[in-house]
Every structure is written in structure tokens, then in C-alpha cells.
Amino acid sequence: MFVVGLLLVLLGALAIVGAIFGSEGTAAFLSFDVSALGIFLIGLAAGVAILWGYSIAKYGVKKSMQHRRESKQLEELSEKLDKVDEEKRRDVDDDRI
């Protein structure tokens, strides 16, 4: 699995080097004339932004779920503590009678 991942990284690096040094000409992007290298860099930045956004969203959901789980546990513990306090009060009241 590691070897396959390493091969993919190497192929990706080769594609980047080939795109940077082998690109010629221009293209239109949002009504602007941009070189082929510029288009490549825009695509690269868009891909990085998507991956970064996905990572941040995934982290946020993970933290939110953890917070909800902890909140639920604290609520359950609070209910148990309230029940124990109520039982102690009843025992104290029964002892006084």
C-alpha cells in the first residue's frame, strides 16, 4: 500500500513538473487571458482549497460530535447526582422523624 501511494505521489509530481515546464499558449479564464501555466496554478490552488475546506469541515464535525457526546455524558452524570442528592435528603428526613 505504501509503495502504491509513493508511486502516485511520484506520478503527480511528474505531472506538475511537466505542466510547469511544458506549457505554452494562453486561455481565457473569467474573461481574462491567462497563460497555460496560470491556468494550471489556478487549478492547483482550487484543488488545495477544496482539500483544505474538506479537512476543516471534517475537523469541525468531529469536534461538534465530541462536544455533543461530552454534553450528553455530563447531563447523564448530573441527573445521577441529582438522584443521589435527593435520596440523601430523603434519608436525612427519615432519620429526623
PDB file of N, CA and C in Angstrom:
ATOM      1  N   MET A   1       0.823  -1.181   0.000  1.00  0.00           N
ATOM      2  CA  MET A   1       0.000   0.000   0.000  1.00  0.00           C
ATOM      3  C   MET A   1       0.870   1.248   0.000  1.00  0.00           C
ATOM      4  N   PHE A   2       1.932   1.212   0.806  1.00  0.00           N
ATOM      5  CA  PHE A   2       2.850   2.349   0.852  1.00  0.00           C
ATOM      6  C   PHE A   2       3.486   2.584  -0.510  1.00  0.00           C
ATOM      7  N   VAL A   3       3.856   1.516  -1.189  1.00  0.00           N
ATOM      8  CA  VAL A   3       4.511   1.627  -2.496  1.00  0.00           C
ATOM      9  C   VAL A   3       3.546   2.246  -3.508  1.00  0.00           C
ATOM     10  N   VAL A   4       2.291   1.842  -3.475  1.00  0.00           N
ATOM     11  CA  VAL A   4       1.301   2.408  -4.393  1.00  0.00           C
ATOM     12  C   VAL A   4       1.133   3.907  -4.128  1.00  0.00           C
ATOM     13  N   GLY A   5       1.060   4.277  -2.855  1.00  0.00           N
ATOM     14  CA  GLY A   5       0.958   5.697  -2.500  1.00  0.00           C
ATOM     15  C   GLY A   5       2.166   6.481  -2.958  1.00  0.00           C
ATOM     16  N   LEU A   6       3.343   5.913  -2.779  1.00  0.00           N
ATOM     17  CA  LEU A   6       4.573   6.577  -3.208  1.00  0.00           C
ATOM     18  C   LEU A   6       4.609   6.738  -4.724  1.00  0.00           C
ATOM     19  N   LEU A   7       4.168   5.722  -5.449  1.00  0.00           N
ATOM     20  CA  LEU A   7       4.110   5.818  -6.913  1.00  0.00           C
ATOM     21  C   LEU A   7       3.134   6.905  -7.357  1.00  0.00           C
ATOM     22  N   LEU A   8       2.000   7.009  -6.698  1.00  0.00           N
ATOM     23  CA  LEU A   8       1.039   8.055  -7.038  1.00  0.00           C
ATOM     24  C   LEU A   8       1.603   9.449  -6.779  1.00  0.00           C
ATOM     25  N   VAL A   9       2.317   9.612  -5.677  1.00  0.00           N
ATOM     26  CA  VAL A   9       2.946  10.899  -5.383  1.00  0.00           C
ATOM     27  C   VAL A   9       3.979  11.237  -6.456  1.00  0.00           C
ATOM     28  N   LEU A  10       4.786  10.268  -6.853  1.00  0.00           N
ATOM     29  CA  LEU A  10       5.789  10.498  -7.881  1.00  0.00           C
ATOM     30  C   LEU A  10       5.150  10.839  -9.228  1.00  0.00           C
ATOM     31  N   LEU A  11       4.076  10.136  -9.582  1.00  0.00           N
ATOM     32  CA  LEU A  11       3.380  10.440 -10.836  1.00  0.00           C
ATOM     33  C   LEU A  11       2.764  11.839 -10.801  1.00  0.00           C
ATOM     34  N   GLY A  12       2.216  12.209  -9.660  1.00  0.00           N
ATOM     35  CA  GLY A  12       1.662  13.556  -9.506  1.00  0.00           C
ATOM     36  C   GLY A  12       2.738  14.625  -9.623  1.00  0.00           C
ATOM     37  N   ALA A  13       3.892  14.379  -9.006  1.00  0.00           N
ATOM     38  CA  ALA A  13       4.998  15.331  -9.097  1.00  0.00           C
ATOM     39  C   ALA A  13       5.501  15.451 -10.528  1.00  0.00           C
ATOM     40  N   LEU A  14       5.572  14.325 -11.229  1.00  0.00           N
ATOM     41  CA  LEU A  14       5.967  14.360 -12.641  1.00  0.00           C
ATOM     42  C   LEU A  14       4.976  15.161 -13.482  1.00  0.00           C
ATOM     43  N   ALA A  15       3.693  14.994 -13.211  1.00  0.00           N
ATOM     44  CA  ALA A  15       2.674  15.748 -13.945  1.00  0.00           C
ATOM     45  C   ALA A  15       2.792  17.240 -13.677  1.00  0.00           C
ATOM     46  N   ILE A  16       3.070  17.611 -12.445  1.00  0.00           N
ATOM     47  CA  ILE A  16       3.234  19.027 -12.103  1.00  0.00           C
ATOM     48  C   ILE A  16       4.443  19.608 -12.811  1.00  0.00           C
ATOM     49  N   VAL A  17       5.560  18.912 -12.761  1.00  0.00           N
ATOM     50  CA  VAL A  17       6.772  19.400 -13.431  1.00  0.00           C
ATOM     51  C   VAL A  17       6.537  19.511 -14.933  1.00  0.00           C
ATOM     52  N   GLY A  18       5.878  18.518 -15.515  1.00  0.00           N
ATOM     53  CA  GLY A  18       5.578  18.568 -16.942  1.00  0.00           C
ATOM     54  C   GLY A  18       4.663  19.723 -17.300  1.00  0.00           C
ATOM     55  N   ALA A  19       3.682  20.007 -16.451  1.00  0.00           N
ATOM     56  CA  ALA A  19       2.761  21.117 -16.719  1.00  0.00           C
ATOM     57  C   ALA A  19       3.450  22.463 -16.579  1.00  0.00           C
ATOM     58  N   ILE A  20       4.335  22.581 -15.628  1.00  0.00           N
ATOM     59  CA  ILE A  20       5.017  23.867 -15.413  1.00  0.00           C
ATOM     60  C   ILE A  20       5.990  24.164 -16.544  1.00  0.00           C
ATOM     61  N   PHE A  21       6.797  23.195 -16.922  1.00  0.00           N
ATOM     62  CA  PHE A  21       7.841  23.451 -17.915  1.00  0.00           C
ATOM     63  C   PHE A  21       7.397  23.183 -19.347  1.00  0.00           C
ATOM     64  N   GLY A  22       6.309  22.493 -19.556  1.00  0.00           N
ATOM     65  CA  GLY A  22       5.905  22.163 -20.915  1.00  0.00           C
ATOM     66  C   GLY A  22       4.679  22.899 -21.401  1.00  0.00           C
ATOM     67  N   SER A  23       4.242  23.922 -20.689  1.00  0.00           N
ATOM     68  CA  SER A  23       3.017  24.626 -21.070  1.00  0.00           C
ATOM     69  C   SER A  23       3.332  25.870 -21.894  1.00  0.00           C
ATOM     70  N   GLU A  24       2.552  26.034 -22.951  1.00  0.00           N
ATOM     71  CA  GLU A  24       2.677  27.224 -23.807  1.00  0.00           C
ATOM     72  C   GLU A  24       1.291  27.665 -24.220  1.00  0.00           C
ATOM     73  N   GLY A  25       1.149  28.921 -24.590  1.00  0.00           N
ATOM     74  CA  GLY A  25      -0.120  29.435 -25.071  1.00  0.00           C
ATOM     75  C   GLY A  25      -0.912  30.110 -23.969  1.00  0.00           C
ATOM     76  N   THR A  26      -2.098  30.595 -24.333  1.00  0.00           N
ATOM     77  CA  THR A  26      -2.965  31.275 -23.383  1.00  0.00           C
ATOM     78  C   THR A  26      -4.372  30.706 -23.472  1.00  0.00           C
ATOM     79  N   ALA A  27      -5.151  31.030 -22.484  1.00  0.00           N
ATOM     80  CA  ALA A  27      -6.554  30.610 -22.448  1.00  0.00           C
ATOM     81  C   ALA A  27      -7.338  31.693 -21.733  1.00  0.00           C
ATOM     82  N   ALA A  28      -8.639  31.660 -21.863  1.00  0.00           N
ATOM     83  CA  ALA A  28      -9.500  32.635 -21.194  1.00  0.00           C
ATOM     84  C   ALA A  28     -10.044  32.020 -19.914  1.00  0.00           C
ATOM     85  N   PHE A  29      -9.942  32.779 -18.830  1.00  0.00           N
ATOM     86  CA  PHE A  29     -10.480  32.360 -17.545  1.00  0.00           C
ATOM     87  C   PHE A  29     -11.197  33.553 -16.941  1.00  0.00           C
ATOM     88  N   LEU A  30     -12.512  33.460 -16.816  1.00  0.00           N
ATOM     89  CA  LEU A  30     -13.332  34.561 -16.311  1.00  0.00           C
ATOM     90  C   LEU A  30     -13.082  35.849 -17.099  1.00  0.00           C
ATOM     91  N   SER A  31     -13.039  35.737 -18.385  1.00  0.00           N
ATOM     92  CA  SER A  31     -12.848  36.855 -19.327  1.00  0.00           C
ATOM     93  C   SER A  31     -11.458  37.475 -19.255  1.00  0.00           C
ATOM     94  N   PHE A  32     -10.498  36.792 -18.673  1.00  0.00           N
ATOM     95  CA  PHE A  32      -9.115  37.264 -18.625  1.00  0.00           C
ATOM     96  C   PHE A  32      -8.255  36.298 -19.415  1.00  0.00           C
ATOM     97  N   ASP A  33      -7.293  36.842 -20.149  1.00  0.00           N
ATOM     98  CA  ASP A  33      -6.326  35.992 -20.841  1.00  0.00           C
ATOM     99  C   ASP A  33      -5.274  35.545 -19.842  1.00  0.00           C
ATOM    100  N   VAL A  34      -5.142  34.248 -19.704  1.00  0.00           N
ATOM    101  CA  VAL A  34      -4.213  33.666 -18.737  1.00  0.00           C
ATOM    102  C   VAL A  34      -3.347  32.659 -19.470  1.00  0.00           C
ATOM    103  N   SER A  35      -2.072  32.603 -19.106  1.00  0.00           N
ATOM    104  CA  SER A  35      -1.177  31.625 -19.718  1.00  0.00           C
ATOM    105  C   SER A  35      -1.553  30.217 -19.270  1.00  0.00           C
ATOM    106  N   ALA A  36      -1.025  29.243 -19.968  1.00  0.00           N
ATOM    107  CA  ALA A  36      -1.304  27.850 -19.615  1.00  0.00           C
ATOM    108  C   ALA A  36      -0.789  27.537 -18.204  1.00  0.00           C
ATOM    109  N   LEU A  37       0.364  28.107 -17.869  1.00  0.00           N
ATOM    110  CA  LEU A  37       0.903  27.928 -16.523  1.00  0.00           C
ATOM    111  C   LEU A  37      -0.037  28.554 -15.490  1.00  0.00           C
ATOM    112  N   GLY A  38      -0.599  29.707 -15.808  1.00  0.00           N
ATOM    113  CA  GLY A  38      -1.545  30.364 -14.903  1.00  0.00           C
ATOM    114  C   GLY A  38      -2.788  29.520 -14.676  1.00  0.00           C
ATOM    115  N   ILE A  39      -3.305  28.936 -15.755  1.00  0.00           N
ATOM    116  CA  ILE A  39      -4.467  28.064 -15.629  1.00  0.00           C
ATOM    117  C   ILE A  39      -4.139  26.864 -14.748  1.00  0.00           C
ATOM    118  N   PHE A  40      -2.959  26.300 -14.945  1.00  0.00           N
ATOM    119  CA  PHE A  40      -2.538  25.167 -14.129  1.00  0.00           C
ATOM    120  C   PHE A  40      -2.465  25.561 -12.657  1.00  0.00           C
ATOM    121  N   LEU A  41      -1.868  26.722 -12.375  1.00  0.00           N
ATOM    122  CA  LEU A  41      -1.735  27.165 -10.990  1.00  0.00           C
ATOM    123  C   LEU A  41      -3.096  27.479 -10.371  1.00  0.00           C
ATOM    124  N   ILE A  42      -4.012  28.017 -11.160  1.00  0.00           N
ATOM    125  CA  ILE A  42      -5.362  28.271 -10.668  1.00  0.00           C
ATOM    126  C   ILE A  42      -6.037  26.950 -10.308  1.00  0.00           C
ATOM    127  N   GLY A  43      -5.885  25.961 -11.169  1.00  0.00           N
ATOM    128  CA  GLY A  43      -6.444  24.637 -10.879  1.00  0.00           C
ATOM    129  C   GLY A  43      -5.825  24.003  -9.652  1.00  0.00           C
ATOM    130  N   LEU A  44      -4.525  24.161  -9.514  1.00  0.00           N
ATOM    131  CA  LEU A  44      -3.823  23.630  -8.345  1.00  0.00           C
ATOM    132  C   LEU A  44      -4.323  24.304  -7.069  1.00  0.00           C
ATOM    133  N   ALA A  45      -4.460  25.625  -7.113  1.00  0.00           N
ATOM    134  CA  ALA A  45      -4.954  26.365  -5.946  1.00  0.00           C
ATOM    135  C   ALA A  45      -6.395  25.962  -5.617  1.00  0.00           C
ATOM    136  N   ALA A  46      -7.206  25.748  -6.650  1.00  0.00           N
ATOM    137  CA  ALA A  46      -8.588  25.320  -6.408  1.00  0.00           C
ATOM    138  C   ALA A  46      -8.620  23.944  -5.746  1.00  0.00           C
ATOM    139  N   GLY A  47      -7.781  23.047  -6.199  1.00  0.00           N
ATOM    140  CA  GLY A  47      -7.720  21.717  -5.592  1.00  0.00           C
ATOM    141  C   GLY A  47      -7.271  21.767  -4.148  1.00  0.00           C
ATOM    142  N   VAL A  48      -6.266  22.583  -3.870  1.00  0.00           N
ATOM    143  CA  VAL A  48      -5.782  22.732  -2.496  1.00  0.00           C
ATOM    144  C   VAL A  48      -6.876  23.341  -1.623  1.00  0.00           C
ATOM    145  N   ALA A  49      -7.594  24.342  -2.143  1.00  0.00           N
ATOM    146  CA  ALA A  49      -8.675  24.974  -1.382  1.00  0.00           C
ATOM    147  C   ALA A  49      -9.780  23.963  -1.066  1.00  0.00           C
ATOM    148  N   ILE A  50     -10.113  23.114  -2.026  1.00  0.00           N
ATOM    149  CA  ILE A  50     -11.152  22.104  -1.801  1.00  0.00           C
ATOM    150  C   ILE A  50     -10.694  21.121  -0.733  1.00  0.00           C
ATOM    151  N   LEU A  51      -9.467  20.640  -0.827  1.00  0.00           N
ATOM    152  CA  LEU A  51      -8.966  19.688   0.174  1.00  0.00           C
ATOM    153  C   LEU A  51      -8.878  20.324   1.562  1.00  0.00           C
ATOM    154  N   TRP A  52      -8.432  21.586   1.599  1.00  0.00           N
ATOM    155  CA  TRP A  52      -8.319  22.292   2.866  1.00  0.00           C
ATOM    156  C   TRP A  52      -9.712  22.506   3.472  1.00  0.00           C
ATOM    157  N   GLY A  53     -10.657  22.921   2.646  1.00  0.00           N
ATOM    158  CA  GLY A  53     -12.025  23.111   3.121  1.00  0.00           C
ATOM    159  C   GLY A  53     -12.634  21.820   3.633  1.00  0.00           C
ATOM    160  N   TYR A  54     -12.409  20.726   2.923  1.00  0.00           N
ATOM    161  CA  TYR A  54     -12.913  19.422   3.351  1.00  0.00           C
ATOM    162  C   TYR A  54     -12.303  19.036   4.701  1.00  0.00           C
ATOM    163  N   SER A  55     -10.999  19.256   4.851  1.00  0.00           N
ATOM    164  CA  SER A  55     -10.326  18.911   6.108  1.00  0.00           C
ATOM    165  C   SER A  55     -10.872  19.733   7.271  1.00  0.00           C
ATOM    166  N   ILE A  56     -11.080  21.026   7.048  1.00  0.00           N
ATOM    167  CA  ILE A  56     -11.603  21.889   8.102  1.00  0.00           C
ATOM    168  C   ILE A  56     -13.029  21.477   8.463  1.00  0.00           C
ATOM    169  N   ALA A  57     -13.854  21.179   7.458  1.00  0.00           N
ATOM    170  CA  ALA A  57     -15.232  20.759   7.718  1.00  0.00           C
ATOM    171  C   ALA A  57     -15.257  19.435   8.483  1.00  0.00           C
ATOM    172  N   LYS A  58     -14.406  18.506   8.083  1.00  0.00           N
ATOM    173  CA  LYS A  58     -14.336  17.209   8.758  1.00  0.00           C
ATOM    174  C   LYS A  58     -13.906  17.386  10.216  1.00  0.00           C
ATOM    175  N   TYR A  59     -12.920  18.249  10.458  1.00  0.00           N
ATOM    176  CA  TYR A  59     -12.459  18.530  11.810  1.00  0.00           C
ATOM    177  C   TYR A  59     -13.582  19.163  12.634  1.00  0.00           C
ATOM    178  N   GLY A  60     -14.327  20.092  12.022  1.00  0.00           N
ATOM    179  CA  GLY A  60     -15.423  20.752  12.719  1.00  0.00           C
ATOM    180  C   GLY A  60     -16.524  19.780  13.110  1.00  0.00           C
ATOM    181  N   VAL A  61     -16.875  18.883  12.206  1.00  0.00           N
ATOM    182  CA  VAL A  61     -17.905  17.888  12.508  1.00  0.00           C
ATOM    183  C   VAL A  61     -17.430  16.960  13.614  1.00  0.00           C
ATOM    184  N   LYS A  62     -16.172  16.569  13.556  1.00  0.00           N
ATOM    185  CA  LYS A  62     -15.614  15.681  14.580  1.00  0.00           C
ATOM    186  C   LYS A  62     -15.665  16.347  15.956  1.00  0.00           C
ATOM    187  N   LYS A  63     -15.273  17.622  16.025  1.00  0.00           N
ATOM    188  CA  LYS A  63     -15.295  18.353  17.288  1.00  0.00           C
ATOM    189  C   LYS A  63     -16.726  18.546  17.779  1.00  0.00           C
ATOM    190  N   SER A  64     -17.640  18.825  16.870  1.00  0.00           N
ATOM    191  CA  SER A  64     -19.037  19.012  17.242  1.00  0.00           C
ATOM    192  C   SER A  64     -19.627  17.733  17.816  1.00  0.00           C
ATOM    193  N   MET A  65     -19.346  16.610  17.175  1.00  0.00           N
ATOM    194  CA  MET A  65     -19.843  15.326  17.675  1.00  0.00           C
ATOM    195  C   MET A  65     -19.240  15.011  19.047  1.00  0.00           C
ATOM    196  N   GLN A  66     -17.957  15.307  19.230  1.00  0.00           N
ATOM    197  CA  GLN A  66     -17.301  15.070  20.513  1.00  0.00           C
ATOM    198  C   GLN A  66     -17.939  15.950  21.595  1.00  0.00           C
ATOM    199  N   HIS A  67     -18.222  17.211  21.249  1.00  0.00           N
ATOM    200  CA  HIS A  67     -18.843  18.129  22.203  1.00  0.00           C
ATOM    201  C   HIS A  67     -20.242  17.636  22.589  1.00  0.00           C
ATOM    202  N   ARG A  68     -21.007  17.176  21.608  1.00  0.00           N
ATOM    203  CA  ARG A  68     -22.345  16.658  21.894  1.00  0.00           C
ATOM    204  C   ARG A  68     -22.279  15.427  22.789  1.00  0.00           C
ATOM    205  N   ARG A  69     -21.330  14.539  22.507  1.00  0.00           N
ATOM    206  CA  ARG A  69     -21.167  13.321  23.307  1.00  0.00           C
ATOM    207  C   ARG A  69     -20.806  13.678  24.753  1.00  0.00           C
ATOM    208  N   GLU A  70     -19.868  14.608  24.914  1.00  0.00           N
ATOM    209  CA  GLU A  70     -19.465  15.015  26.262  1.00  0.00           C
ATOM    210  C   GLU A  70     -20.613  15.702  26.985  1.00  0.00           C
ATOM    211  N   SER A  71     -21.365  16.516  26.278  1.00  0.00           N
ATOM    212  CA  SER A  71     -22.505  17.203  26.870  1.00  0.00           C
ATOM    213  C   SER A  71     -23.555  16.200  27.338  1.00  0.00           C
ATOM    214  N   LYS A  72     -23.796  15.187  26.534  1.00  0.00           N
ATOM    215  CA  LYS A  72     -24.765  14.156  26.900  1.00  0.00           C
ATOM    216  C   LYS A  72     -24.292  13.392  28.142  1.00  0.00           C
ATOM    217  N   GLN A  73     -23.000  13.079  28.186  1.00  0.00           N
ATOM    218  CA  GLN A  73     -22.461  12.370  29.341  1.00  0.00           C
ATOM    219  C   GLN A  73     -22.563  13.230  30.601  1.00  0.00           C
ATOM    220  N   LEU A  74     -22.265  14.529  30.469  1.00  0.00           N
ATOM    221  CA  LEU A  74     -22.367  15.420  31.623  1.00  0.00           C
ATOM    222  C   LEU A  74     -23.810  15.536  32.099  1.00  0.00           C
ATOM    223  N   GLU A  75     -24.739  15.565  31.166  1.00  0.00           N
ATOM    224  CA  GLU A  75     -26.153  15.630  31.515  1.00  0.00           C
ATOM    225  C   GLU A  75     -26.580  14.369  32.273  1.00  0.00           C
ATOM    226  N   GLU A  76     -26.136  13.206  31.800  1.00  0.00           N
ATOM    227  CA  GLU A  76     -26.459  11.947  32.477  1.00  0.00           C
ATOM    228  C   GLU A  76     -25.855  11.912  33.878  1.00  0.00           C
ATOM    229  N   LEU A  77     -24.610  12.350  34.007  1.00  0.00           N
ATOM    230  CA  LEU A  77     -23.969  12.380  35.322  1.00  0.00           C
ATOM    231  C   LEU A  77     -24.675  13.353  36.258  1.00  0.00           C
ATOM    232  N   SER A  78     -25.112  14.484  35.726  1.00  0.00           N
ATOM    233  CA  SER A  78     -25.830  15.462  36.531  1.00  0.00           C
ATOM    234  C   SER A  78     -27.150  14.886  37.034  1.00  0.00           C
ATOM    235  N   GLU A  79     -27.847  14.159  36.160  1.00  0.00           N
ATOM    236  CA  GLU A  79     -29.102  13.520  36.582  1.00  0.00           C
ATOM    237  C   GLU A  79     -28.846  12.489  37.676  1.00  0.00           C
ATOM    238  N   LYS A  80     -27.786  11.698  37.534  1.00  0.00           N
ATOM    239  CA  LYS A  80     -27.449  10.707  38.563  1.00  0.00           C
ATOM    240  C   LYS A  80     -27.121  11.385  39.887  1.00  0.00           C
ATOM    241  N   LEU A  81     -26.366  12.486  39.809  1.00  0.00           N
ATOM    242  CA  LEU A  81     -26.002  13.219  41.014  1.00  0.00           C
ATOM    243  C   LEU A  81     -27.238  13.805  41.684  1.00  0.00           C
ATOM    244  N   ASP A  82     -28.159  14.323  40.886  1.00  0.00           N
ATOM    245  CA  ASP A  82     -29.401  14.860  41.441  1.00  0.00           C
ATOM    246  C   ASP A  82     -30.197  13.759  42.148  1.00  0.00           C
ATOM    247  N   LYS A  83     -30.231  12.566  41.557  1.00  0.00           N
ATOM    248  CA  LYS A  83     -30.951  11.438  42.179  1.00  0.00           C
ATOM    249  C   LYS A  83     -30.295  11.047  43.495  1.00  0.00           C
ATOM    250  N   VAL A  84     -28.979  10.997  43.531  1.00  0.00           N
ATOM    251  CA  VAL A  84     -28.263  10.635  44.754  1.00  0.00           C
ATOM    252  C   VAL A  84     -28.505  11.693  45.828  1.00  0.00           C
ATOM    253  N   ASP A  85     -28.458  12.973  45.469  1.00  0.00           N
ATOM    254  CA  ASP A  85     -28.711  14.038  46.438  1.00  0.00           C
ATOM    255  C   ASP A  85     -30.131  13.949  46.981  1.00  0.00           C
ATOM    256  N   GLU A  86     -31.078  13.655  46.104  1.00  0.00           N
ATOM    257  CA  GLU A  86     -32.469  13.518  46.527  1.00  0.00           C
ATOM    258  C   GLU A  86     -32.625  12.350  47.493  1.00  0.00           C
ATOM    259  N   GLU A  87     -31.952  11.237  47.198  1.00  0.00           N
ATOM    260  CA  GLU A  87     -32.019  10.080  48.096  1.00  0.00           C
ATOM    261  C   GLU A  87     -31.394  10.399  49.447  1.00  0.00           C
ATOM    262  N   LYS A  88     -30.295  11.137  49.460  1.00  0.00           N
ATOM    263  CA  LYS A  88     -29.654  11.516  50.722  1.00  0.00           C
ATOM    264  C   LYS A  88     -30.572  12.412  51.540  1.00  0.00           C
ATOM    265  N   ARG A  89     -31.261  13.332  50.874  1.00  0.00           N
ATOM    266  CA  ARG A  89     -32.185  14.213  51.587  1.00  0.00           C
ATOM    267  C   ARG A  89     -33.320  13.402  52.202  1.00  0.00           C
ATOM    268  N   ARG A  90     -33.821  12.413  51.447  1.00  0.00           N
ATOM    269  CA  ARG A  90     -34.891  11.570  51.969  1.00  0.00           C
ATOM    270  C   ARG A  90     -34.406  10.785  53.193  1.00  0.00           C
ATOM    271  N   ASP A  91     -33.165  10.275  53.106  1.00  0.00           N
ATOM    272  CA  ASP A  91     -32.626   9.509  54.242  1.00  0.00           C
ATOM    273  C   ASP A  91     -32.464  10.395  55.452  1.00  0.00           C
ATOM    274  N   VAL A  92     -32.014  11.627  55.254  1.00  0.00           N
ATOM    275  CA  VAL A  92     -31.831  12.567  56.365  1.00  0.00           C
ATOM    276  C   VAL A  92     -33.195  12.917  56.951  1.00  0.00           C
ATOM    277  N   ASP A  93     -34.174  13.144  56.086  1.00  0.00           N
ATOM    278  CA  ASP A  93     -35.523  13.465  56.553  1.00  0.00           C
ATOM    279  C   ASP A  93     -36.136  12.295  57.310  1.00  0.00           C
ATOM    280  N   ASP A  94     -35.887  11.047  56.841  1.00  0.00           N
ATOM    281  CA  ASP A  94     -36.406   9.857  57.519  1.00  0.00           C
ATOM    282  C   ASP A  94     -35.737   9.670  58.882  1.00  0.00           C
ATOM    283  N   ASP A  95     -34.466  10.036  59.005  1.00  0.00           N
ATOM    284  CA  ASP A  95     -33.756   9.909  60.273  1.00  0.00           C
ATOM    285  C   ASP A  95     -34.287  10.906  61.303  1.00  0.00           C
ATOM    286  N   ARG A  96     -34.735  12.060  60.843  1.00  0.00           N
ATOM    287  CA  ARG A  96     -35.225  13.090  61.751  1.00  0.00           C
ATOM    288  C   ARG A  96     -36.587  12.711  62.324  1.00  0.00           C
ATOM    289  N   ILE A  97     -37.341  11.930  61.619  1.00  0.00           N
ATOM    290  CA  ILE A  97     -38.694  11.604  62.061  1.00  0.00           C
ATOM    291  C   ILE A  97     -38.655  10.530  63.082  1.00  0.00           C
TER     292      ILE A  97
END
